C-alpha atoms as a PDB file:
ATOM      1  CA  MET A   1      -0.082   0.044  -0.033  1.00  0.00           C
ATOM      2  CA  LYS A   2       2.852   2.407   0.974  1.00  0.00           C
ATOM      3  CA  ASN A   3       4.806   1.745  -2.218  1.00  0.00           C
ATOM      4  CA  SER A   4       1.436   2.284  -4.252  1.00  0.00           C
ATOM      5  CA  GLN A   5       0.850   5.553  -2.514  1.00  0.00           C
ATOM      6  CA  THR A   6       4.697   6.688  -3.397  1.00  0.00           C
ATOM      7  CA  MET A   7       4.281   5.535  -6.929  1.00  0.00           C
ATOM      8  CA  GLY A   8       1.122   7.647  -7.091  1.00  0.00           C
ATOM      9  CA  HIS A   9       2.856  10.682  -5.859  1.00  0.00           C
ATOM     10  CA  LEU A  10       5.746  10.083  -8.166  1.00  0.00           C
ATOM     11  CA  CYS A  11       3.218   9.946 -11.174  1.00  0.00           C
ATOM     12  CA  ALA A  12       1.275  13.114 -10.245  1.00  0.00           C
ATOM     13  CA  LEU A  13       4.588  14.995  -9.850  1.00  0.00           C
ATOM     14  CA  PHE A  14       6.098  13.528 -13.307  1.00  0.00           C
ATOM     15  CA  THR A  15       2.619  14.304 -14.938  1.00  0.00           C
ATOM     16  CA  ILE A  16       2.920  18.114 -13.719  1.00  0.00           C
ATOM     17  CA  ILE A  17       6.502  18.421 -14.671  1.00  0.00           C
ATOM     18  CA  ILE A  18       5.568  17.405 -18.274  1.00  0.00           C
ATOM     19  CA  TRP A  19       2.296  19.520 -18.426  1.00  0.00           C
ATOM     20  CA  GLY A  20       4.403  22.441 -16.857  1.00  0.00           C
ATOM     21  CA  THR A  21       6.719  22.533 -20.087  1.00  0.00           C
ATOM     22  CA  THR A  22       3.994  22.137 -22.684  1.00  0.00           C
ATOM     23  CA  PHE A  23       3.604  25.956 -22.997  1.00  0.00           C
ATOM     24  CA  ILE A  24       6.859  26.077 -25.224  1.00  0.00           C
ATOM     25  CA  SER A  25       5.781  23.211 -27.434  1.00  0.00           C
ATOM     26  CA  THR A  26       2.537  24.988 -28.184  1.00  0.00           C
ATOM     27  CA  LYS A  27       4.090  28.334 -28.456  1.00  0.00           C
ATOM     28  CA  ILE A  28       6.410  26.936 -31.227  1.00  0.00           C
ATOM     29  CA  LEU A  29       3.530  25.202 -33.010  1.00  0.00           C
ATOM     30  CA  LEU A  30       1.214  28.336 -32.850  1.00  0.00           C
ATOM     31  CA  THR A  31       3.469  29.820 -35.668  1.00  0.00           C
ATOM     32  CA  ASP A  32       2.201  26.844 -37.927  1.00  0.00           C
ATOM     33  CA  LEU A  33      -0.965  25.507 -36.656  1.00  0.00           C
ATOM     34  CA  GLN A  34      -4.092  26.886 -35.060  1.00  0.00           C
ATOM     35  CA  PRO A  35      -4.811  26.110 -31.521  1.00  0.00           C
ATOM     36  CA  VAL A  36      -7.879  23.776 -32.223  1.00  0.00           C
ATOM     37  CA  GLU A  37      -5.512  21.960 -34.712  1.00  0.00           C
ATOM     38  CA  ILE A  38      -2.761  21.367 -32.236  1.00  0.00           C
ATOM     39  CA  LEU A  39      -5.371  20.136 -29.728  1.00  0.00           C
ATOM     40  CA  PHE A  40      -6.977  17.747 -32.096  1.00  0.00           C
ATOM     41  CA  PHE A  41      -3.518  16.161 -33.405  1.00  0.00           C
ATOM     42  CA  ARG A  42      -2.488  15.988 -29.898  1.00  0.00           C
ATOM     43  CA  PHE A  43      -4.995  13.771 -28.544  1.00  0.00           C
ATOM     44  CA  ALA A  44      -5.211  11.902 -32.011  1.00  0.00           C
ATOM     45  CA  ILE A  45      -1.355  11.161 -31.487  1.00  0.00           C
ATOM     46  CA  GLY A  46      -1.992  10.198 -27.841  1.00  0.00           C
ATOM     47  CA  LEU A  47      -4.950   7.647 -28.823  1.00  0.00           C
ATOM     48  CA  SER A  48      -3.082   6.129 -31.423  1.00  0.00           C
ATOM     49  CA  ALA A  49       0.013   5.621 -29.281  1.00  0.00           C
ATOM     50  CA  LEU A  50      -2.325   4.025 -26.629  1.00  0.00           C
ATOM     51  CA  TRP A  51      -3.881   1.540 -29.002  1.00  0.00           C
ATOM     52  CA  LEU A  52      -0.389   0.459 -30.418  1.00  0.00           C
ATOM     53  CA  ILE A  53       0.773  -0.078 -26.469  1.00  0.00           C
ATOM     54  CA  CYS A  54      -2.486  -1.847 -25.496  1.00  0.00           C
ATOM     55  CA  PRO A  55      -4.399  -3.206 -28.635  1.00  0.00           C
ATOM     56  CA  GLU A  56      -6.863  -5.065 -26.382  1.00  0.00           C
ATOM     57  CA  ARG A  57     -10.245  -4.376 -26.426  1.00  0.00           C
ATOM     58  CA  LEU A  58     -12.080  -2.838 -23.333  1.00  0.00           C
ATOM     59  CA  LYS A  59     -14.886  -5.335 -22.687  1.00  0.00           C
ATOM     60  CA  GLY A  60     -17.666  -5.834 -19.964  1.00  0.00           C
ATOM     61  CA  THR A  61     -18.687  -2.390 -19.802  1.00  0.00           C
ATOM     62  CA  SER A  62     -22.164  -1.337 -18.882  1.00  0.00           C
ATOM     63  CA  ARG A  63     -24.257   1.547 -20.333  1.00  0.00           C
ATOM     64  CA  LYS A  64     -23.738   3.561 -17.191  1.00  0.00           C
ATOM     65  CA  GLN A  65     -19.840   2.980 -17.226  1.00  0.00           C
ATOM     66  CA  GLU A  66     -19.831   3.999 -20.894  1.00  0.00           C
ATOM     67  CA  LEU A  67     -21.807   7.313 -19.916  1.00  0.00           C
ATOM     68  CA  ILE A  68     -19.084   8.159 -17.232  1.00  0.00           C
ATOM     69  CA  PHE A  69     -16.173   7.582 -19.803  1.00  0.00           C
ATOM     70  CA  ALA A  70     -18.090   9.855 -22.246  1.00  0.00           C
ATOM     71  CA  GLY A  71     -18.752  12.365 -19.398  1.00  0.00           C
ATOM     72  CA  ALA A  72     -14.619  12.206 -18.592  1.00  0.00           C
ATOM     73  CA  GLY A  73     -13.920  12.566 -22.502  1.00  0.00           C
ATOM     74  CA  LEU A  74     -16.288  15.536 -22.754  1.00  0.00           C
ATOM     75  CA  CYS A  75     -14.989  17.353 -19.338  1.00  0.00           C
ATOM     76  CA  GLY A  76     -11.296  16.550 -19.245  1.00  0.00           C
ATOM     77  CA  ILE A  77     -10.319  16.092 -23.079  1.00  0.00           C
ATOM     78  CA  CYS A  78     -12.825  18.279 -25.072  1.00  0.00           C
ATOM     79  CA  LEU A  79     -14.179  21.181 -22.931  1.00  0.00           C
ATOM     80  CA  TYR A  80     -11.437  21.951 -20.505  1.00  0.00           C
ATOM     81  CA  TYR A  81      -9.129  22.335 -23.372  1.00  0.00           C
ATOM     82  CA  LEU A  82     -11.221  24.377 -25.634  1.00  0.00           C
ATOM     83  CA  LEU A  83     -12.436  26.631 -22.715  1.00  0.00           C
ATOM     84  CA  GLU A  84      -8.846  27.215 -21.672  1.00  0.00           C
ATOM     85  CA  ASN A  85      -7.448  28.190 -25.147  1.00  0.00           C
ATOM     86  CA  ILE A  86     -10.461  30.397 -25.945  1.00  0.00           C
ATOM     87  CA  ALA A  87      -9.916  32.053 -22.515  1.00  0.00           C
ATOM     88  CA  LEU A  88      -6.105  32.834 -23.716  1.00  0.00           C
ATOM     89  CA  THR A  89      -7.507  34.847 -26.664  1.00  0.00           C
ATOM     90  CA  CYS A  90      -9.910  36.818 -24.547  1.00  0.00           C
ATOM     91  CA  THR A  91      -8.043  37.557 -21.259  1.00  0.00           C
ATOM     92  CA  LEU A  92      -4.386  37.568 -19.807  1.00  0.00           C
ATOM     93  CA  ALA A  93      -2.348  34.414 -19.774  1.00  0.00           C
ATOM     94  CA  SER A  94      -1.572  35.462 -15.839  1.00  0.00           C
ATOM     95  CA  ASN A  95      -5.222  35.604 -15.315  1.00  0.00           C
ATOM     96  CA  VAL A  96      -5.778  32.266 -16.749  1.00  0.00           C
ATOM     97  CA  GLY A  97      -2.854  30.698 -14.832  1.00  0.00           C
ATOM     98  CA  VAL A  98      -4.199  32.058 -11.633  1.00  0.00           C
ATOM     99  CA  ILE A  99      -7.965  30.972 -12.198  1.00  0.00           C
ATOM    100  CA  ILE A 100      -6.876  27.448 -13.737  1.00  0.00           C
ATOM    101  CA  SER A 101      -5.018  26.774 -10.072  1.00  0.00           C
ATOM    102  CA  VAL A 102      -8.184  26.866  -8.371  1.00  0.00           C
ATOM    103  CA  ALA A 103      -9.008  23.452  -9.664  1.00  0.00           C
ATOM    104  CA  PRO A 104      -8.176  21.651  -6.582  1.00  0.00           C
ATOM    105  CA  PHE A 105     -10.672  23.755  -4.391  1.00  0.00           C
ATOM    106  CA  PHE A 106     -13.536  22.775  -6.902  1.00  0.00           C
ATOM    107  CA  THR A 107     -12.354  19.115  -6.967  1.00  0.00           C
ATOM    108  CA  ALA A 108     -12.556  19.078  -3.132  1.00  0.00           C
ATOM    109  CA  VAL A 109     -15.921  20.536  -3.346  1.00  0.00           C
ATOM    110  CA  PHE A 110     -17.352  18.030  -5.976  1.00  0.00           C
ATOM    111  CA  SER A 111     -15.391  15.033  -4.280  1.00  0.00           C
ATOM    112  CA  THR A 112     -17.381  15.825  -0.969  1.00  0.00           C
ATOM    113  CA  LEU A 113     -20.608  15.787  -2.960  1.00  0.00           C
ATOM    114  CA  PHE A 114     -20.097  13.231  -5.429  1.00  0.00           C
ATOM    115  CA  LEU A 115     -17.579  10.595  -3.742  1.00  0.00           C
ATOM    116  CA  LYS A 116     -19.001  10.720  -0.315  1.00  0.00           C
ATOM    117  CA  GLU A 117     -15.556  12.082   0.842  1.00  0.00           C
ATOM    118  CA  ASN A 118     -15.033  13.871   4.017  1.00  0.00           C
ATOM    119  CA  LYS A 119     -14.618  17.573   3.794  1.00  0.00           C
ATOM    120  CA  PRO A 120     -10.734  18.220   3.465  1.00  0.00           C
ATOM    121  CA  PRO A 121      -8.931  19.217   6.668  1.00  0.00           C
ATOM    122  CA  VAL A 122      -8.197  22.892   7.677  1.00  0.00           C
ATOM    123  CA  CYS A 123      -4.602  22.460   6.328  1.00  0.00           C
ATOM    124  CA  PHE A 124      -6.026  21.908   2.636  1.00  0.00           C
ATOM    125  CA  TYR A 125      -7.727  25.439   2.917  1.00  0.00           C
ATOM    126  CA  LEU A 126      -4.562  26.962   4.493  1.00  0.00           C
ATOM    127  CA  GLY A 127      -2.333  25.441   1.919  1.00  0.00           C
ATOM    128  CA  PHE A 128      -4.832  26.576  -0.871  1.00  0.00           C
ATOM    129  CA  VAL A 129      -4.630  30.234   0.244  1.00  0.00           C
ATOM    130  CA  VAL A 130      -0.699  30.104   0.761  1.00  0.00           C
ATOM    131  CA  ALA A 131      -0.419  28.513  -2.769  1.00  0.00           C
ATOM    132  CA  MET A 132      -2.747  30.794  -4.504  1.00  0.00           C
ATOM    133  CA  ALA A 133      -0.819  33.959  -3.059  1.00  0.00           C
ATOM    134  CA  GLY A 134       2.295  32.434  -4.555  1.00  0.00           C
ATOM    135  CA  ILE A 135       0.625  31.702  -7.982  1.00  0.00           C
ATOM    136  CA  ALA A 136      -0.460  35.156  -7.886  1.00  0.00           C
ATOM    137  CA  LEU A 137       2.935  36.745  -7.543  1.00  0.00           C
ATOM    138  CA  ILE A 138       4.388  34.364 -10.191  1.00  0.00           C
ATOM    139  CA  SER A 139       1.709  34.914 -12.573  1.00  0.00           C
ATOM    140  CA  PHE A 140       1.485  38.977 -12.433  1.00  0.00           C
ATOM    141  CA  ASN A 141       4.916  39.515 -11.420  1.00  0.00           C
ATOM    142  CA  GLY A 142       4.402  43.067 -10.012  1.00  0.00           C
ATOM    143  CA  SER A 143       1.891  43.966 -12.775  1.00  0.00           C
ATOM    144  CA  SER A 144      -1.709  45.135 -12.061  1.00  0.00           C
ATOM    145  CA  LEU A 145      -4.457  42.636 -12.191  1.00  0.00           C
ATOM    146  CA  LYS A 146      -6.650  43.536 -15.533  1.00  0.00           C
ATOM    147  CA  LEU A 147      -9.869  41.729 -15.287  1.00  0.00           C
ATOM    148  CA  ASN A 148     -11.598  40.524 -18.478  1.00  0.00           C
ATOM    149  CA  PRO A 149     -15.318  39.068 -17.269  1.00  0.00           C
ATOM    150  CA  PHE A 150     -15.666  36.878 -20.349  1.00  0.00           C
ATOM    151  CA  GLY A 151     -12.143  35.450 -20.636  1.00  0.00           C
ATOM    152  CA  ASP A 152     -11.955  35.028 -16.904  1.00  0.00           C
ATOM    153  CA  LEU A 153     -15.430  33.333 -16.739  1.00  0.00           C
ATOM    154  CA  LEU A 154     -14.120  30.835 -19.351  1.00  0.00           C
ATOM    155  CA  ALA A 155     -11.177  30.055 -17.594  1.00  0.00           C
ATOM    156  CA  LEU A 156     -13.458  29.823 -14.339  1.00  0.00           C
ATOM    157  CA  LEU A 157     -15.462  27.341 -16.045  1.00  0.00           C
ATOM    158  CA  ALA A 158     -12.387  25.427 -17.489  1.00  0.00           C
ATOM    159  CA  THR A 159     -11.447  24.695 -13.818  1.00  0.00           C
ATOM    160  CA  VAL A 160     -15.098  23.602 -12.909  1.00  0.00           C
ATOM    161  CA  VAL A 161     -15.093  20.794 -15.796  1.00  0.00           C
ATOM    162  CA  TRP A 162     -11.570  19.616 -14.746  1.00  0.00           C
ATOM    163  CA  ALA A 163     -12.965  19.039 -11.136  1.00  0.00           C
ATOM    164  CA  PHE A 164     -15.755  17.168 -12.644  1.00  0.00           C
ATOM    165  CA  TYR A 165     -13.227  15.174 -14.928  1.00  0.00           C
ATOM    166  CA  SER A 166     -11.137  14.410 -11.620  1.00  0.00           C
ATOM    167  CA  VAL A 167     -14.421  12.937 -10.075  1.00  0.00           C
ATOM    168  CA  LEU A 168     -15.173  10.932 -13.161  1.00  0.00           C
ATOM    169  CA  THR A 169     -11.607   9.573 -13.256  1.00  0.00           C
ATOM    170  CA  LYS A 170     -11.913   8.554  -9.452  1.00  0.00           C
ATOM    171  CA  LYS A 171     -15.208   6.711 -10.481  1.00  0.00           C
ATOM    172  CA  ILE A 172     -13.625   4.978 -13.428  1.00  0.00           C
ATOM    173  CA  SER A 173     -10.761   3.758 -11.414  1.00  0.00           C
ATOM    174  CA  GLY A 174     -13.341   1.827  -9.460  1.00  0.00           C
ATOM    175  CA  PHE A 175     -14.454  -0.198 -12.467  1.00  0.00           C
ATOM    176  CA  GLY A 176     -11.472  -2.652 -12.059  1.00  0.00           C
ATOM    177  CA  PHE A 177     -10.266  -2.176 -15.834  1.00  0.00           C
ATOM    178  CA  SER A 178      -6.636  -1.339 -16.781  1.00  0.00           C
ATOM    179  CA  THR A 179      -5.795   2.386 -16.795  1.00  0.00           C
ATOM    180  CA  ILE A 180      -4.416   2.187 -20.107  1.00  0.00           C
ATOM    181  CA  LEU A 181      -7.604   0.900 -21.517  1.00  0.00           C
ATOM    182  CA  THR A 182      -9.658   3.548 -19.440  1.00  0.00           C
ATOM    183  CA  THR A 183      -7.777   6.282 -20.606  1.00  0.00           C
ATOM    184  CA  ARG A 184      -7.728   5.197 -24.219  1.00  0.00           C
ATOM    185  CA  ARG A 185     -11.683   5.183 -24.181  1.00  0.00           C
ATOM    186  CA  VAL A 186     -11.834   8.580 -22.472  1.00  0.00           C
ATOM    187  CA  PHE A 187      -9.568   9.768 -25.214  1.00  0.00           C
ATOM    188  CA  PHE A 188     -11.965   8.375 -27.923  1.00  0.00           C
ATOM    189  CA  TYR A 189     -15.024   9.840 -26.411  1.00  0.00           C
ATOM    190  CA  GLY A 190     -12.857  13.208 -25.886  1.00  0.00           C
ATOM    191  CA  ILE A 191     -11.910  13.219 -29.702  1.00  0.00           C
ATOM    192  CA  LEU A 192     -15.473  12.423 -30.766  1.00  0.00           C
ATOM    193  CA  PHE A 193     -16.995  15.354 -28.764  1.00  0.00           C
ATOM    194  CA  MET A 194     -14.168  17.719 -30.250  1.00  0.00           C
ATOM    195  CA  LEU A 195     -15.129  16.787 -33.739  1.00  0.00           C
ATOM    196  CA  PRO A 196     -18.180  19.196 -34.158  1.00  0.00           C
ATOM    197  CA  ALA A 197     -15.915  22.041 -32.442  1.00  0.00           C
ATOM    198  CA  LEU A 198     -13.306  21.771 -35.416  1.00  0.00           C
ATOM    199  CA  PHE A 199     -15.697  22.971 -37.978  1.00  0.00           C
ATOM    200  CA  LEU A 200     -16.997  25.924 -35.693  1.00  0.00           C
ATOM    201  CA  LEU A 201     -13.353  26.967 -34.909  1.00  0.00           C
ATOM    202  CA  ASP A 202     -10.266  27.611 -37.188  1.00  0.00           C
ATOM    203  CA  PHE A 203      -9.764  23.970 -38.051  1.00  0.00           C
ATOM    204  CA  ARG A 204      -8.490  23.844 -41.993  1.00  0.00           C
ATOM    205  CA  LEU A 205      -9.580  21.393 -44.596  1.00  0.00           C
ATOM    206  CA  ASP A 206      -7.119  22.460 -47.185  1.00  0.00           C
ATOM    207  CA  LEU A 207      -4.570  20.048 -45.534  1.00  0.00           C
ATOM    208  CA  THR A 208      -1.867  22.991 -45.419  1.00  0.00           C
ATOM    209  CA  TRP A 209      -1.323  21.578 -41.852  1.00  0.00           C
ATOM    210  CA  ILE A 210       0.403  18.570 -43.469  1.00  0.00           C
ATOM    211  CA  ALA A 211       3.541  20.748 -44.037  1.00  0.00           C
ATOM    212  CA  SER A 212       3.980  20.793 -40.195  1.00  0.00           C
ATOM    213  CA  PHE A 213       4.248  17.024 -40.238  1.00  0.00           C
ATOM    214  CA  SER A 214       7.461  17.097 -42.744  1.00  0.00           C
ATOM    215  CA  ASN A 215       8.807  19.948 -40.493  1.00  0.00           C
ATOM    216  CA  PRO A 216      11.097  18.243 -37.988  1.00  0.00           C
ATOM    217  CA  VAL A 217      10.510  20.927 -35.185  1.00  0.00           C
ATOM    218  CA  ASP A 218       6.788  20.891 -35.776  1.00  0.00           C
ATOM    219  CA  LEU A 219       6.665  17.226 -35.676  1.00  0.00           C
ATOM    220  CA  GLY A 220       8.878  16.896 -32.631  1.00  0.00           C
ATOM    221  CA  ASN A 221       6.625  19.203 -30.641  1.00  0.00           C
ATOM    222  CA  LEU A 222       3.603  17.228 -31.748  1.00  0.00           C
ATOM    223  CA  LEU A 223       5.053  13.959 -30.698  1.00  0.00           C
ATOM    224  CA  TYR A 224       6.084  15.659 -27.413  1.00  0.00           C
ATOM    225  CA  LEU A 225       2.433  16.793 -26.705  1.00  0.00           C
ATOM    226  CA  GLY A 226       0.978  13.659 -28.040  1.00  0.00           C
ATOM    227  CA  LEU A 227       3.182  10.818 -26.775  1.00  0.00           C
ATOM    228  CA  GLY A 228       4.375  12.447 -23.416  1.00  0.00           C
ATOM    229  CA  ALA A 229       1.921  15.208 -22.504  1.00  0.00           C
ATOM    230  CA  SER A 230      -1.218  13.333 -23.668  1.00  0.00           C
ATOM    231  CA  ALA A 231      -0.820   9.463 -23.751  1.00  0.00           C
ATOM    232  CA  LEU A 232       1.879   8.808 -21.006  1.00  0.00           C
ATOM    233  CA  CYS A 233       0.793  11.748 -18.662  1.00  0.00           C
ATOM    234  CA  PHE A 234      -3.064  10.951 -18.656  1.00  0.00           C
ATOM    235  CA  VAL A 235      -2.304   7.464 -17.927  1.00  0.00           C
ATOM    236  CA  ALA A 236       0.165   8.464 -15.006  1.00  0.00           C
ATOM    237  CA  TRP A 237      -2.350  11.066 -13.754  1.00  0.00           C
ATOM    238  CA  ASN A 238      -5.377   8.784 -13.840  1.00  0.00           C
ATOM    239  CA  TYR A 239      -3.228   6.185 -11.917  1.00  0.00           C
ATOM    240  CA  ALA A 240      -2.313   8.781  -9.397  1.00  0.00           C
ATOM    241  CA  VAL A 241      -6.081   9.646  -8.904  1.00  0.00           C
ATOM    242  CA  LYS A 242      -6.859   6.238  -8.338  1.00  0.00           C
ATOM    243  CA  VAL A 243      -4.296   5.723  -5.688  1.00  0.00           C
ATOM    244  CA  LEU A 244      -4.271   8.865  -3.940  1.00  0.00           C
ATOM    245  CA  GLY A 245      -7.758  10.133  -4.620  1.00  0.00           C
ATOM    246  CA  ALA A 246      -9.154  13.279  -6.637  1.00  0.00           C
ATOM    247  CA  VAL A 247      -8.398  15.747  -4.171  1.00  0.00           C
ATOM    248  CA  LYS A 248      -4.611  15.133  -3.142  1.00  0.00           C
ATOM    249  CA  THR A 249      -4.025  14.231  -6.645  1.00  0.00           C
ATOM    250  CA  SER A 250      -5.328  17.892  -7.817  1.00  0.00           C
ATOM    251  CA  ILE A 251      -3.059  19.734  -5.170  1.00  0.00           C
ATOM    252  CA  TYR A 252       0.068  18.985  -7.477  1.00  0.00           C
ATOM    253  CA  ILE A 253      -1.601  21.663  -9.958  1.00  0.00           C
ATOM    254  CA  TYR A 254      -0.103  24.219  -7.792  1.00  0.00           C
ATOM    255  CA  MET A 255       3.405  23.167  -9.038  1.00  0.00           C
ATOM    256  CA  VAL A 256       2.482  24.217 -12.753  1.00  0.00           C
ATOM    257  CA  PRO A 257       3.721  28.068 -12.351  1.00  0.00           C
ATOM    258  CA  VAL A 258       6.811  26.725 -10.666  1.00  0.00           C
ATOM    259  CA  ILE A 259       7.747  24.419 -13.607  1.00  0.00           C
ATOM    260  CA  THR A 260       6.790  26.914 -16.208  1.00  0.00           C
ATOM    261  CA  VAL A 261       9.046  29.521 -14.548  1.00  0.00           C
ATOM    262  CA  ALA A 262      12.128  27.282 -14.329  1.00  0.00           C
ATOM    263  CA  THR A 263      11.483  25.999 -17.885  1.00  0.00           C
ATOM    264  CA  SER A 264      11.366  29.538 -19.138  1.00  0.00           C
ATOM    265  CA  ALA A 265      14.595  30.393 -17.178  1.00  0.00           C
ATOM    266  CA  ILE A 266      16.485  27.222 -18.799  1.00  0.00           C
ATOM    267  CA  ILE A 267      15.041  27.199 -22.104  1.00  0.00           C
ATOM    268  CA  LEU A 268      13.788  30.659 -22.971  1.00  0.00           C
ATOM    269  CA  HIS A 269      16.415  32.318 -20.991  1.00  0.00           C
ATOM    270  CA  GLU A 270      13.609  34.577 -19.051  1.00  0.00           C
ATOM    271  CA  GLN A 271      14.717  36.422 -15.801  1.00  0.00           C
ATOM    272  CA  ILE A 272      13.586  35.219 -12.662  1.00  0.00           C
ATOM    273  CA  THR A 273      12.633  38.064 -10.288  1.00  0.00           C
ATOM    274  CA  VAL A 274      12.471  38.084  -6.471  1.00  0.00           C
ATOM    275  CA  LEU A 275       8.564  38.137  -6.589  1.00  0.00           C
ATOM    276  CA  MET A 276       9.034  34.825  -8.639  1.00  0.00           C
ATOM    277  CA  LEU A 277      11.278  33.306  -5.946  1.00  0.00           C
ATOM    278  CA  VAL A 278       8.900  34.315  -3.264  1.00  0.00           C
ATOM    279  CA  GLY A 279       5.882  32.907  -5.314  1.00  0.00           C
ATOM    280  CA  THR A 280       7.748  29.787  -5.590  1.00  0.00           C
ATOM    281  CA  PHE A 281       8.399  29.335  -1.958  1.00  0.00           C
ATOM    282  CA  LEU A 282       4.656  30.070  -1.076  1.00  0.00           C
ATOM    283  CA  ILE A 283       3.491  27.329  -3.724  1.00  0.00           C
ATOM    284  CA  LEU A 284       5.799  24.928  -2.145  1.00  0.00           C
ATOM    285  CA  ALA A 285       4.593  25.517   1.258  1.00  0.00           C
ATOM    286  CA  GLY A 286       0.916  25.641   0.170  1.00  0.00           C
ATOM    287  CA  LEU A 287       1.442  22.239  -1.346  1.00  0.00           C
ATOM    288  CA  ILE A 288       3.171  20.744   1.649  1.00  0.00           C
ATOM    289  CA  LEU A 289       0.498  22.346   3.681  1.00  0.00           C
ATOM    290  CA  SER A 290      -2.454  21.018   1.687  1.00  0.00           C
ATOM    291  CA  GLU A 291      -1.093  17.688   1.530  1.00  0.00           C
ATOM    292  CA  ASN A 292      -0.487  17.389   5.177  1.00  0.00           C
ATOM    293  CA  GLY A 293      -3.939  15.999   5.881  1.00  0.00           C
ATOM    294  CA  ARG A 294      -6.096  12.774   5.693  1.00  0.00           C
ATOM    295  CA  PHE A 295      -8.554  12.351   3.113  1.00  0.00           C
ATOM    296  CA  THR A 296     -11.042   9.510   3.929  1.00  0.00           C
ATOM    297  CA  ARG A 297     -14.339   8.544   2.686  1.00  0.00           C
ATOM    298  CA  LYS A 298     -17.697   9.078   4.876  1.00  0.00           C
ATOM    299  CA  GLU A 299     -18.164   5.426   4.646  1.00  0.00           C
ATOM    300  CA  GLU A 300     -14.812   4.390   6.177  1.00  0.00           C
ATOM    301  CA  THR A 301     -15.396   6.917   8.929  1.00  0.00           C
ATOM    302  CA  LYS A 302     -18.496   5.467   9.641  1.00  0.00           C
ATOM    303  CA  ASP A 303     -17.081   1.910   9.656  1.00  0.00           C
ATOM    304  CA  ASP A 304     -14.339   2.909  12.059  1.00  0.00           C
ATOM    305  CA  SER A 305     -16.885   4.414  14.517  1.00  0.00           C
ATOM    306  CA  THR A 306     -18.771   0.979  14.789  1.00  0.00           C
ATOM    307  CA  ARG A 307     -15.472  -1.006  15.391  1.00  0.00           C
END
């Protein structure tokens, strides 16, 4: 049990490290591809990779289970990324970065409502406040806050649908199927729901994007997003949710700005300010505070009281 918990934490940390660096690949690809094209190809590559790794069919699912798979694909693959990408075109990236980091709070609320988990301990909320202060310091870095109601609302909706995805993933982990097979099924539904959006947004049908696959730089970044950030990371993240629970896993989202700052300094040679260092310290402190608590199910607490 202890080994699986350790592996869960390592999987969550590994995933966040990769996800925290994806902005570089996306930034490079945006010179040749539209955001919705990057999103579609990313998960199409990820789905193909999971089929190659595990061609076994997912058998024995009920209609209710398929609905939960579909809901996870709609929330975590389709809606979350579409809302986030559209929000980035309507408001400041710093605003989106701070708002997206609220996801652990919504995950805690929904886990209490739908997974019959106890309310998180006080240290979770203390850690949330401390981490959000650090995230704000890193995101704004001394600049003033500029609100854009529509874009900020889209970013907030993205955090809500991610919280729903986390809850659905926890439910899926109880079905007893392989994590690779369940992740592949979620990808399938996510791409299925994404198809109508392709024709409403900037997806091009003239096949000019084929040039990107012949460009080594673009191809490398697409493979990084598809194989690493999608196929590998979603399997690792879903395993972490299965072992640690939706709330404890979501807390690692606080680390994304820290990884982004470190990557920017190393690869893009961006300057690290004192505010960024203070923000990093606060985020790490908030992460430790939030993790320093016991997240149990109400059913388990009830059982303990009768022993």
